[in-house]
């Protein structure tokens, strides 16, 4: 994971067109939101930056969208971001979390 970087400078640090996951922060010390891009991390981060709610970001490229989702889930469980009211879902809208003991994925699977 690379960062934290100022969201103003996405273009300097996120230079590849690639799926990936990111963490957003207001103060550069804690994760306020986690997210992912299934195709173009830079483009998705630019869209988030328009909201101007956050000032800093961390990111990691992944080789495919499914890996971005797995990383997003891992960061969601590790950092407990305050601005993610729900567990991340896959691009199909389902929760496929590989984190051991994830009760949200279990409940969703039974639903």
Protein backbone atom coordinates (compact mmCIF):
# COMPACT_ATOMS: atom_id res chain seq x y z
CA UNK A 1 0.00 0.00 0.00
CA UNK A 2 1.31 3.44 -0.95
CA UNK A 3 0.47 6.69 0.80
CA UNK A 4 -0.77 8.79 2.37
CA UNK A 5 -0.84 11.27 -0.49
CA UNK A 6 -2.78 14.48 -0.90
CA UNK A 7 -5.83 13.93 -3.15
CA UNK A 8 -4.84 17.02 -5.16
CA UNK A 9 -1.90 15.04 -6.55
CA UNK A 10 -3.59 11.83 -7.70
CA UNK A 11 -2.11 12.30 -11.16
CA UNK A 12 1.45 12.17 -9.75
CA UNK A 13 1.07 8.90 -7.87
CA UNK A 14 -1.66 6.87 -9.59
CA UNK A 15 -0.27 6.58 -13.10
CA UNK A 16 -1.50 3.18 -14.32
CA UNK A 17 -4.90 2.27 -15.71
CA UNK A 18 -5.60 -0.65 -13.42
CA UNK A 19 -8.09 -2.05 -10.93
CA UNK A 20 -7.20 -1.33 -7.33
CA UNK A 21 -8.32 -0.41 -3.86
CA UNK A 22 -7.99 2.81 -1.91
CA UNK A 23 -8.38 4.32 1.54
CA UNK A 24 -9.55 7.90 2.00
CA UNK A 25 -8.86 10.08 5.00
CA UNK A 26 -9.70 13.55 6.22
CA UNK A 27 -6.59 13.89 8.42
CA UNK A 28 -4.04 11.50 6.85
CA UNK A 29 -3.87 9.32 9.95
CA UNK A 30 -7.03 7.23 9.96
CA UNK A 31 -9.19 5.51 7.36
CA UNK A 32 -12.51 7.27 6.93
CA UNK A 33 -13.57 5.34 3.82
CA UNK A 34 -12.34 2.37 1.81
CA UNK A 35 -13.25 1.71 -1.78
CA UNK A 36 -12.13 0.09 -4.98
CA UNK A 37 -11.99 0.55 -8.71
CA UNK A 38 -12.84 -2.41 -10.90
CA UNK A 39 -11.17 -0.90 -13.98
CA UNK A 40 -9.39 2.46 -13.52
CA UNK A 41 -8.18 3.43 -10.07
CA UNK A 42 -7.08 6.93 -11.10
CA UNK A 43 -10.45 7.75 -12.66
CA UNK A 44 -12.39 6.52 -9.62
CA UNK A 45 -10.16 8.47 -7.23
CA UNK A 46 -10.60 11.62 -9.35
CA UNK A 47 -14.37 11.19 -9.03
CA UNK A 48 -14.11 10.82 -5.25
CA UNK A 49 -11.84 13.87 -5.04
CA UNK A 50 -14.61 16.00 -6.55
CA UNK A 51 -16.59 15.44 -3.35
CA UNK A 52 -13.76 17.28 -1.51
CA UNK A 53 -14.75 15.50 1.70
CA UNK A 54 -11.34 13.87 2.01
CA UNK A 55 -7.80 15.22 1.76
CA UNK A 56 -5.59 12.10 1.71
CA UNK A 57 -5.48 8.67 0.14
CA UNK A 58 -3.59 5.40 0.13
CA UNK A 59 -3.85 2.94 -2.74
CA UNK A 60 -2.76 -0.37 -4.14
CA UNK A 61 -3.07 -1.66 -7.69
CA UNK A 62 -4.47 -5.13 -8.29
CA UNK A 63 -4.39 -7.29 -11.37
CA UNK A 64 -8.14 -7.79 -11.57
CA UNK A 65 -11.43 -6.48 -10.17
CA UNK A 66 -11.98 -9.49 -7.91
CA UNK A 67 -8.62 -8.87 -6.22
CA UNK A 68 -9.57 -5.21 -5.72
CA UNK A 69 -12.76 -6.34 -4.00
CA UNK A 70 -10.84 -8.75 -1.76
CA UNK A 71 -8.43 -5.99 -0.75
CA UNK A 72 -11.30 -3.57 -0.12
CA UNK A 73 -12.90 -6.16 2.20
CA UNK A 74 -9.61 -6.74 4.02
CA UNK A 75 -9.16 -3.01 4.62
CA UNK A 76 -12.81 -2.64 5.66
CA UNK A 77 -12.30 -5.26 8.37
CA UNK A 78 -8.86 -4.02 9.40
CA UNK A 79 -9.55 -0.26 9.62
CA UNK A 80 -13.31 -0.05 10.35
CA UNK A 81 -13.83 3.11 8.27
CA UNK A 82 -16.50 5.40 9.65
CA UNK A 83 -17.87 6.43 6.24
CA UNK A 84 -18.58 2.90 5.01
CA UNK A 85 -22.01 2.17 6.46
CA UNK A 86 -22.16 -1.29 4.85
CA UNK A 87 -19.81 -4.10 3.99
CA UNK A 88 -18.34 -3.76 0.47
CA UNK A 89 -20.19 -5.67 -2.23
CA UNK A 90 -18.84 -7.16 -5.42
CA UNK A 91 -19.65 -5.65 -8.80
CA UNK A 92 -22.60 -8.08 -8.96
CA UNK A 93 -23.96 -6.57 -5.73
CA UNK A 94 -23.18 -9.58 -3.54
CA UNK A 95 -20.93 -9.91 -0.51
CA UNK A 96 -18.18 -12.41 -1.27
CA UNK A 97 -15.82 -11.76 1.62
CA UNK A 98 -12.88 -14.05 2.18
CA UNK A 99 -12.12 -12.71 5.66
CA UNK A 100 -12.44 -15.54 8.16
CA UNK A 101 -15.40 -15.01 10.48
CA UNK A 102 -17.06 -12.28 8.41
CA UNK A 103 -20.61 -12.47 9.73
CA UNK A 104 -21.97 -10.06 7.13
CA UNK A 105 -20.92 -12.38 4.29
CA UNK A 106 -22.42 -15.35 6.12
CA UNK A 107 -25.75 -13.58 6.70
CA UNK A 108 -25.88 -12.45 3.09
CA UNK A 109 -25.13 -15.96 1.83
CA UNK A 110 -27.99 -17.43 3.87
CA UNK A 111 -30.44 -14.65 2.95
